[in-house]
């Protein structure tokens, strides 16, 4: 029969191994969650960078003469002298919207 001292040391050692193992398990799980959060943020960052790149392209386009002409035609229905603007009216539109 093992001595009481040896039994207590074995129990304490097993308890210590169990506690350390449990802590490692929870820490690895937390690290995995942090990795997922980082990947999500990196994807969001890539999307935002793409959006900024698109906006920079639009700003560069609208700084040119062609961009200003495009904006004037699309939003303000303007035309150059000598051009005609054609309005197509649909029959299913109520009269007060024409």
N, C-alpha and C. Protein backbone atom coordinates (compact mmCIF):
# COMPACT_ATOMS: atom_id res chain seq x y z
N UNK A 1 0.85 -1.17 0.00
CA UNK A 1 0.00 0.00 0.00
C UNK A 1 0.90 1.24 0.00
N UNK A 2 0.60 2.19 -0.94
CA UNK A 2 1.45 3.37 -1.03
C UNK A 2 1.29 4.24 0.23
N UNK A 3 2.34 4.96 0.49
CA UNK A 3 2.30 5.82 1.67
C UNK A 3 1.38 7.01 1.42
N UNK A 4 0.91 7.59 2.50
CA UNK A 4 -0.01 8.72 2.43
C UNK A 4 0.67 9.91 1.74
N UNK A 5 1.94 10.09 2.03
CA UNK A 5 2.68 11.20 1.43
C UNK A 5 2.74 11.05 -0.09
N UNK A 6 3.02 9.87 -0.56
CA UNK A 6 3.10 9.60 -1.99
C UNK A 6 1.73 9.77 -2.65
N UNK A 7 0.69 9.37 -1.98
CA UNK A 7 -0.67 9.50 -2.50
C UNK A 7 -1.06 10.97 -2.62
N UNK A 8 -0.73 11.78 -1.63
CA UNK A 8 -1.04 13.22 -1.65
C UNK A 8 -0.25 13.91 -2.75
N UNK A 9 1.02 13.60 -2.91
CA UNK A 9 1.83 14.20 -3.97
C UNK A 9 1.31 13.82 -5.36
N UNK A 10 0.89 12.59 -5.52
CA UNK A 10 0.34 12.15 -6.80
C UNK A 10 -0.97 12.88 -7.10
N UNK A 11 -1.82 13.00 -6.09
CA UNK A 11 -3.09 13.71 -6.27
C UNK A 11 -2.85 15.18 -6.59
N UNK A 12 -1.90 15.80 -5.88
CA UNK A 12 -1.57 17.21 -6.14
C UNK A 12 -1.00 17.37 -7.54
N UNK A 13 -0.14 16.45 -7.95
CA UNK A 13 0.42 16.50 -9.30
C UNK A 13 -0.64 16.35 -10.37
N UNK A 14 -1.55 15.41 -10.20
CA UNK A 14 -2.64 15.24 -11.16
C UNK A 14 -3.55 16.46 -11.20
N UNK A 15 -3.81 17.03 -10.02
CA UNK A 15 -4.64 18.24 -9.96
C UNK A 15 -3.96 19.39 -10.70
N UNK A 16 -2.66 19.53 -10.50
CA UNK A 16 -1.90 20.58 -11.19
C UNK A 16 -1.93 20.36 -12.70
N UNK A 17 -1.73 19.14 -13.14
CA UNK A 17 -1.78 18.82 -14.58
C UNK A 17 -3.17 19.13 -15.13
N UNK A 18 -4.20 18.79 -14.41
CA UNK A 18 -5.57 19.06 -14.86
C UNK A 18 -5.83 20.56 -14.96
N UNK A 19 -5.40 21.33 -13.96
CA UNK A 19 -5.61 22.78 -13.97
C UNK A 19 -4.85 23.42 -15.13
N UNK A 20 -3.59 23.05 -15.30
CA UNK A 20 -2.79 23.62 -16.39
C UNK A 20 -3.36 23.22 -17.74
N UNK A 21 -3.78 21.98 -17.87
CA UNK A 21 -4.38 21.53 -19.13
C UNK A 21 -5.66 22.29 -19.46
N UNK A 22 -6.48 22.52 -18.44
CA UNK A 22 -7.71 23.28 -18.65
C UNK A 22 -7.41 24.71 -19.06
N UNK A 23 -6.43 25.33 -18.41
CA UNK A 23 -6.05 26.70 -18.78
C UNK A 23 -5.54 26.77 -20.22
N UNK A 24 -4.71 25.81 -20.61
CA UNK A 24 -4.22 25.78 -21.99
C UNK A 24 -5.37 25.60 -22.98
N UNK A 25 -6.31 24.75 -22.64
CA UNK A 25 -7.45 24.53 -23.52
C UNK A 25 -8.21 25.83 -23.75
N UNK A 26 -8.53 26.55 -22.67
CA UNK A 26 -9.29 27.79 -22.80
C UNK A 26 -8.47 28.88 -23.50
N UNK A 27 -7.17 28.91 -23.25
CA UNK A 27 -6.33 29.90 -23.91
C UNK A 27 -6.24 29.63 -25.41
N UNK A 28 -6.09 28.38 -25.80
CA UNK A 28 -6.04 28.06 -27.23
C UNK A 28 -7.37 28.37 -27.91
N UNK A 29 -8.47 28.16 -27.21
CA UNK A 29 -9.77 28.50 -27.76
C UNK A 29 -9.90 30.01 -27.94
N UNK A 30 -9.43 30.78 -26.94
CA UNK A 30 -9.47 32.23 -27.05
C UNK A 30 -8.57 32.72 -28.18
N UNK A 31 -7.42 32.09 -28.35
CA UNK A 31 -6.52 32.46 -29.44
C UNK A 31 -7.18 32.18 -30.79
N UNK A 32 -7.88 31.08 -30.89
CA UNK A 32 -8.60 30.77 -32.13
C UNK A 32 -9.67 31.80 -32.44
N UNK A 33 -10.39 32.24 -31.42
CA UNK A 33 -11.41 33.27 -31.61
C UNK A 33 -10.77 34.59 -32.04
N UNK A 34 -9.62 34.91 -31.46
CA UNK A 34 -8.92 36.13 -31.85
C UNK A 34 -8.44 36.05 -33.30
N UNK A 35 -7.98 34.88 -33.72
CA UNK A 35 -7.57 34.71 -35.12
C UNK A 35 -8.75 34.92 -36.07
N UNK A 36 -9.91 34.41 -35.69
CA UNK A 36 -11.10 34.62 -36.53
C UNK A 36 -11.47 36.09 -36.59
N UNK A 37 -11.40 36.78 -35.45
CA UNK A 37 -11.72 38.21 -35.42
C UNK A 37 -10.73 38.99 -36.28
N UNK A 38 -9.47 38.61 -36.24
CA UNK A 38 -8.46 39.29 -37.05
C UNK A 38 -8.74 39.07 -38.54
N UNK A 39 -9.09 37.86 -38.92
CA UNK A 39 -9.40 37.57 -40.33
C UNK A 39 -10.60 38.38 -40.80
N UNK A 40 -11.63 38.50 -39.95
CA UNK A 40 -12.80 39.28 -40.32
C UNK A 40 -12.43 40.75 -40.51
N UNK A 41 -11.62 41.28 -39.61
CA UNK A 41 -11.20 42.68 -39.71
C UNK A 41 -10.32 42.92 -40.93
N UNK A 42 -9.47 41.95 -41.26
CA UNK A 42 -8.63 42.10 -42.45
C UNK A 42 -9.49 42.10 -43.71
N UNK A 43 -10.52 41.28 -43.74
CA UNK A 43 -11.44 41.26 -44.89
C UNK A 43 -12.18 42.59 -45.00
N UNK A 44 -12.63 43.10 -43.85
CA UNK A 44 -13.31 44.40 -43.84
C UNK A 44 -12.36 45.50 -44.31
N UNK A 45 -11.11 45.44 -43.88
CA UNK A 45 -10.11 46.41 -44.31
C UNK A 45 -9.90 46.35 -45.82
N UNK A 46 -9.84 45.15 -46.39
CA UNK A 46 -9.68 45.01 -47.84
C UNK A 46 -10.87 45.62 -48.58
N UNK A 47 -12.08 45.39 -48.05
CA UNK A 47 -13.27 45.96 -48.68
C UNK A 47 -13.22 47.49 -48.63
N UNK A 48 -12.84 48.04 -47.49
CA UNK A 48 -12.76 49.49 -47.35
C UNK A 48 -11.68 50.07 -48.26
N UNK A 49 -10.55 49.38 -48.39
CA UNK A 49 -9.50 49.85 -49.29
C UNK A 49 -9.98 49.84 -50.74
N UNK A 50 -10.75 48.83 -51.11
CA UNK A 50 -11.30 48.77 -52.47
C UNK A 50 -12.28 49.92 -52.70
N UNK A 51 -13.10 50.21 -51.69
CA UNK A 51 -14.05 51.32 -51.79
C UNK A 51 -13.31 52.64 -51.96
N UNK A 52 -12.26 52.84 -51.18
CA UNK A 52 -11.47 54.07 -51.29
C UNK A 52 -10.83 54.17 -52.67
N UNK A 53 -10.32 53.05 -53.17
CA UNK A 53 -9.71 53.04 -54.51
C UNK A 53 -10.75 53.43 -55.57
N UNK A 54 -11.98 52.91 -55.44
CA UNK A 54 -13.04 53.26 -56.40
C UNK A 54 -13.37 54.74 -56.32
N UNK A 55 -13.46 55.27 -55.09
CA UNK A 55 -13.77 56.70 -54.93
C UNK A 55 -12.65 57.57 -55.50
N UNK A 56 -11.42 57.16 -55.31
CA UNK A 56 -10.30 57.93 -55.87
C UNK A 56 -10.37 57.94 -57.39
N UNK A 57 -10.75 56.81 -57.97
CA UNK A 57 -10.91 56.76 -59.42
C UNK A 57 -12.02 57.68 -59.91
N UNK A 58 -13.13 57.70 -59.17
CA UNK A 58 -14.24 58.59 -59.54
C UNK A 58 -13.84 60.05 -59.41
N UNK A 59 -13.12 60.39 -58.34
CA UNK A 59 -12.67 61.77 -58.16
C UNK A 59 -11.74 62.16 -59.29
N UNK A 60 -10.83 61.27 -59.66
CA UNK A 60 -9.92 61.56 -60.76
C UNK A 60 -10.69 61.75 -62.07
N UNK A 61 -11.74 60.95 -62.28
CA UNK A 61 -12.54 61.07 -63.50
C UNK A 61 -13.29 62.40 -63.52
N UNK A 62 -13.91 62.76 -62.40
CA UNK A 62 -14.71 63.98 -62.38
C UNK A 62 -13.86 65.25 -62.34
N UNK A 63 -12.56 65.12 -62.17
CA UNK A 63 -11.67 66.28 -62.28
C UNK A 63 -11.35 66.59 -63.74
N UNK A 64 -11.62 65.66 -64.64
CA UNK A 64 -11.34 65.87 -66.06
C UNK A 64 -12.52 66.56 -66.73
N UNK A 65 -12.29 67.06 -67.92
CA UNK A 65 -13.35 67.72 -68.68
C UNK A 65 -14.46 66.72 -69.03
N UNK A 66 -14.08 65.51 -69.40
CA UNK A 66 -15.08 64.49 -69.74
C UNK A 66 -15.94 64.15 -68.53
N UNK A 67 -15.33 64.13 -67.36
CA UNK A 67 -16.09 63.84 -66.14
C UNK A 67 -17.10 64.92 -65.83
N UNK A 68 -16.70 66.17 -66.00
CA UNK A 68 -17.62 67.29 -65.76
C UNK A 68 -18.76 67.25 -66.77
N UNK A 69 -18.44 66.96 -68.03
CA UNK A 69 -19.49 66.85 -69.04
C UNK A 69 -20.45 65.71 -68.71
N UNK A 70 -19.92 64.60 -68.29
CA UNK A 70 -20.76 63.45 -67.92
C UNK A 70 -21.70 63.83 -66.77
N UNK A 71 -21.15 64.48 -65.76
CA UNK A 71 -21.96 64.90 -64.61
C UNK A 71 -23.05 65.88 -65.04
N UNK A 72 -22.70 66.83 -65.90
CA UNK A 72 -23.67 67.82 -66.36
C UNK A 72 -24.79 67.16 -67.15
N UNK A 73 -24.46 66.19 -67.98
CA UNK A 73 -25.48 65.51 -68.77
C UNK A 73 -26.36 64.62 -67.91
N UNK A 74 -25.76 63.86 -67.02
CA UNK A 74 -26.51 62.88 -66.23
C UNK A 74 -27.38 63.52 -65.16
N UNK A 75 -26.82 64.45 -64.39
CA UNK A 75 -27.56 64.97 -63.24
C UNK A 75 -28.35 66.24 -63.55
N UNK A 76 -27.86 67.04 -64.49
CA UNK A 76 -28.52 68.32 -64.73
C UNK A 76 -29.18 68.41 -66.10
N UNK A 77 -29.14 67.33 -66.87
CA UNK A 77 -29.77 67.27 -68.20
C UNK A 77 -29.34 68.43 -69.09
N UNK A 78 -28.08 68.78 -69.03
CA UNK A 78 -27.55 69.85 -69.87
C UNK A 78 -27.07 69.27 -71.20
N UNK A 79 -26.99 70.14 -72.20
CA UNK A 79 -26.52 69.72 -73.52
C UNK A 79 -25.65 70.83 -74.10
N UNK A 80 -24.79 70.46 -75.03
CA UNK A 80 -23.98 71.45 -75.73
C UNK A 80 -24.86 72.23 -76.70
N UNK A 81 -24.43 73.43 -77.07
CA UNK A 81 -25.19 74.18 -78.08
C UNK A 81 -25.29 73.37 -79.38
N UNK A 82 -26.47 73.33 -79.93
CA UNK A 82 -26.70 72.59 -81.16
C UNK A 82 -27.21 71.18 -80.91
N UNK A 83 -27.11 70.68 -79.71
CA UNK A 83 -27.62 69.34 -79.39
C UNK A 83 -29.07 69.47 -78.96
N UNK A 84 -29.82 68.40 -79.18
CA UNK A 84 -31.21 68.37 -78.76
C UNK A 84 -31.38 67.32 -77.68
N UNK A 85 -32.20 67.64 -76.70
CA UNK A 85 -32.52 66.70 -75.64
C UNK A 85 -33.87 66.09 -75.97
N UNK A 86 -33.93 64.77 -76.00
CA UNK A 86 -35.16 64.07 -76.33
C UNK A 86 -35.74 63.49 -75.05
N UNK A 87 -37.01 63.78 -74.79
CA UNK A 87 -37.69 63.25 -73.61
C UNK A 87 -38.72 62.24 -74.09
N UNK A 88 -38.64 61.03 -73.59
CA UNK A 88 -39.58 59.98 -73.95
C UNK A 88 -40.56 59.83 -72.79
N UNK A 89 -41.84 60.05 -73.09
CA UNK A 89 -42.87 59.98 -72.06
C UNK A 89 -43.63 58.68 -72.24
N UNK A 90 -43.76 57.94 -71.18
CA UNK A 90 -44.49 56.69 -71.20
C UNK A 90 -45.96 56.97 -70.90
N UNK A 91 -46.83 56.18 -71.50
CA UNK A 91 -48.27 56.38 -71.31
C UNK A 91 -48.75 55.93 -69.93
N UNK A 92 -48.01 55.06 -69.28
CA UNK A 92 -48.46 54.56 -67.98
C UNK A 92 -48.03 55.46 -66.82
N UNK A 93 -47.39 56.61 -67.12
CA UNK A 93 -46.99 57.56 -66.08
C UNK A 93 -48.14 58.54 -65.85
N UNK A 94 -48.53 58.79 -64.61
CA UNK A 94 -49.61 59.74 -64.34
C UNK A 94 -49.26 61.14 -64.88
N UNK A 95 -50.27 61.92 -65.27
CA UNK A 95 -50.01 63.22 -65.90
C UNK A 95 -49.23 64.19 -65.01
N UNK A 96 -49.43 64.15 -63.71
CA UNK A 96 -48.74 65.13 -62.85
C UNK A 96 -47.25 64.81 -62.68
N UNK A 97 -46.78 63.65 -63.18
CA UNK A 97 -45.36 63.32 -63.14
C UNK A 97 -44.67 63.63 -64.47
N UNK A 98 -45.43 64.06 -65.48
CA UNK A 98 -44.84 64.33 -66.80
C UNK A 98 -44.20 65.67 -66.86
